[in-house]
């Protein structure tokens, strides 16, 4: 899946976590997923703990982090009013 397609899985809503980026409009923040990965959790463990999550969601969180660090465009991230 292309970087831009992955970023479409990331949304932001002012009423959820103060507008922080979340995965597919779920109440699961990109920050949490990245934190779990940084702590050494495997993608399989994260998927088992969060049944609604899909492998592409984890890749989307990584793509989001990359886009932020690389100062890439985040136009694909949907921001709800």
C-alpha atoms as a PDB file:
ATOM      1  CA  UNK A   1       0.000   0.000   0.000  1.00  0.00           C
ATOM      2  CA  UNK A   2       1.344   3.427  -0.958  1.00  0.00           C
ATOM      3  CA  UNK A   3       2.399   5.944   1.671  1.00  0.00           C
ATOM      4  CA  UNK A   4      -0.429   8.302   0.726  1.00  0.00           C
ATOM      5  CA  UNK A   5      -3.032   5.515   0.914  1.00  0.00           C
ATOM      6  CA  UNK A   6      -1.775   4.529   4.362  1.00  0.00           C
ATOM      7  CA  UNK A   7      -2.082   8.112   5.592  1.00  0.00           C
ATOM      8  CA  UNK A   8      -5.787   8.085   4.676  1.00  0.00           C
ATOM      9  CA  UNK A   9      -6.228   5.673   7.603  1.00  0.00           C
ATOM     10  CA  UNK A  10      -5.188   8.441   9.995  1.00  0.00           C
ATOM     11  CA  UNK A  11      -7.805  10.942  11.079  1.00  0.00           C
ATOM     12  CA  UNK A  12      -7.992  13.797  13.545  1.00  0.00           C
ATOM     13  CA  UNK A  13     -11.077  15.017  15.374  1.00  0.00           C
ATOM     14  CA  UNK A  14     -11.104  17.913  17.821  1.00  0.00           C
ATOM     15  CA  UNK A  15     -13.467  15.964  20.108  1.00  0.00           C
ATOM     16  CA  UNK A  16     -11.177  12.899  20.362  1.00  0.00           C
ATOM     17  CA  UNK A  17      -7.903  13.194  22.299  1.00  0.00           C
ATOM     18  CA  UNK A  18      -7.824  16.943  21.727  1.00  0.00           C
ATOM     19  CA  UNK A  19      -7.381  16.559  17.974  1.00  0.00           C
ATOM     20  CA  UNK A  20      -4.380  14.216  18.120  1.00  0.00           C
ATOM     21  CA  UNK A  21      -4.117  11.872  15.140  1.00  0.00           C
ATOM     22  CA  UNK A  22      -6.085   8.652  15.560  1.00  0.00           C
ATOM     23  CA  UNK A  23      -6.443   5.434  13.603  1.00  0.00           C
ATOM     24  CA  UNK A  24      -9.472   5.196  11.301  1.00  0.00           C
ATOM     25  CA  UNK A  25     -11.660   7.360  13.496  1.00  0.00           C
ATOM     26  CA  UNK A  26     -11.265   4.832  16.327  1.00  0.00           C
ATOM     27  CA  UNK A  27     -10.429   5.956  19.846  1.00  0.00           C
ATOM     28  CA  UNK A  28      -6.886   4.684  19.337  1.00  0.00           C
ATOM     29  CA  UNK A  29      -4.159   7.271  18.935  1.00  0.00           C
ATOM     30  CA  UNK A  30      -1.206   7.082  16.598  1.00  0.00           C
ATOM     31  CA  UNK A  31       0.872   8.058  19.619  1.00  0.00           C
ATOM     32  CA  UNK A  32      -0.232   4.927  21.526  1.00  0.00           C
ATOM     33  CA  UNK A  33       0.568   2.583  18.642  1.00  0.00           C
ATOM     34  CA  UNK A  34       4.006   4.150  18.166  1.00  0.00           C
ATOM     35  CA  UNK A  35       4.654   3.995  21.900  1.00  0.00           C
ATOM     36  CA  UNK A  36       3.796   0.287  21.999  1.00  0.00           C
ATOM     37  CA  UNK A  37       6.138  -0.376  19.075  1.00  0.00           C
ATOM     38  CA  UNK A  38       8.895   1.642  20.760  1.00  0.00           C
ATOM     39  CA  UNK A  39       8.441  -0.439  23.918  1.00  0.00           C
ATOM     40  CA  UNK A  40       9.141  -3.567  21.908  1.00  0.00           C
ATOM     41  CA  UNK A  41       5.608  -4.818  21.311  1.00  0.00           C
ATOM     42  CA  UNK A  42       5.317  -6.681  18.035  1.00  0.00           C
ATOM     43  CA  UNK A  43       2.671  -5.839  15.477  1.00  0.00           C
ATOM     44  CA  UNK A  44       1.088  -9.234  16.172  1.00  0.00           C
ATOM     45  CA  UNK A  45       0.848  -8.486  19.899  1.00  0.00           C
ATOM     46  CA  UNK A  46      -0.707  -5.086  19.249  1.00  0.00           C
ATOM     47  CA  UNK A  47      -3.215  -6.588  16.815  1.00  0.00           C
ATOM     48  CA  UNK A  48      -4.143  -9.241  19.390  1.00  0.00           C
ATOM     49  CA  UNK A  49      -4.681  -6.591  22.090  1.00  0.00           C
ATOM     50  CA  UNK A  50      -6.745  -4.307  19.821  1.00  0.00           C
ATOM     51  CA  UNK A  51      -9.019  -6.569  17.717  1.00  0.00           C
ATOM     52  CA  UNK A  52     -10.378  -3.727  15.560  1.00  0.00           C
ATOM     53  CA  UNK A  53      -6.895  -2.793  14.436  1.00  0.00           C
ATOM     54  CA  UNK A  54      -5.551  -4.027  11.097  1.00  0.00           C
ATOM     55  CA  UNK A  55      -1.929  -4.526   9.952  1.00  0.00           C
ATOM     56  CA  UNK A  56      -2.215  -1.553   7.577  1.00  0.00           C
ATOM     57  CA  UNK A  57      -3.226   0.617  10.553  1.00  0.00           C
ATOM     58  CA  UNK A  58       0.118  -0.073  12.208  1.00  0.00           C
ATOM     59  CA  UNK A  59       1.906   0.690   8.947  1.00  0.00           C
ATOM     60  CA  UNK A  60      -0.147   3.890   8.694  1.00  0.00           C
ATOM     61  CA  UNK A  61       1.086   5.002  12.127  1.00  0.00           C
ATOM     62  CA  UNK A  62       4.669   4.430  11.047  1.00  0.00           C
ATOM     63  CA  UNK A  63       4.025   6.259   7.765  1.00  0.00           C
ATOM     64  CA  UNK A  64       2.544   9.159   9.730  1.00  0.00           C
ATOM     65  CA  UNK A  65       5.608   9.360  11.982  1.00  0.00           C
ATOM     66  CA  UNK A  66       7.852   9.284   8.926  1.00  0.00           C
ATOM     67  CA  UNK A  67       5.859  12.042   7.226  1.00  0.00           C
ATOM     68  CA  UNK A  68       6.119  14.242  10.324  1.00  0.00           C
ATOM     69  CA  UNK A  69       9.864  13.715  10.694  1.00  0.00           C
ATOM     70  CA  UNK A  70      10.517  14.158   6.964  1.00  0.00           C
ATOM     71  CA  UNK A  71       8.258  17.237   6.856  1.00  0.00           C
ATOM     72  CA  UNK A  72       6.221  15.570   4.117  1.00  0.00           C
ATOM     73  CA  UNK A  73       2.734  16.665   3.225  1.00  0.00           C
ATOM     74  CA  UNK A  74       0.020  15.393   5.527  1.00  0.00           C
ATOM     75  CA  UNK A  75      -2.761  16.332   3.120  1.00  0.00           C
ATOM     76  CA  UNK A  76      -4.002  12.735   3.085  1.00  0.00           C
ATOM     77  CA  UNK A  77      -4.823  12.852   6.800  1.00  0.00           C
ATOM     78  CA  UNK A  78      -8.512  13.597   7.175  1.00  0.00           C
ATOM     79  CA  UNK A  79      -9.333  16.284   9.728  1.00  0.00           C
ATOM     80  CA  UNK A  80     -12.937  16.313  10.841  1.00  0.00           C
ATOM     81  CA  UNK A  81     -14.600  19.646  11.643  1.00  0.00           C
END
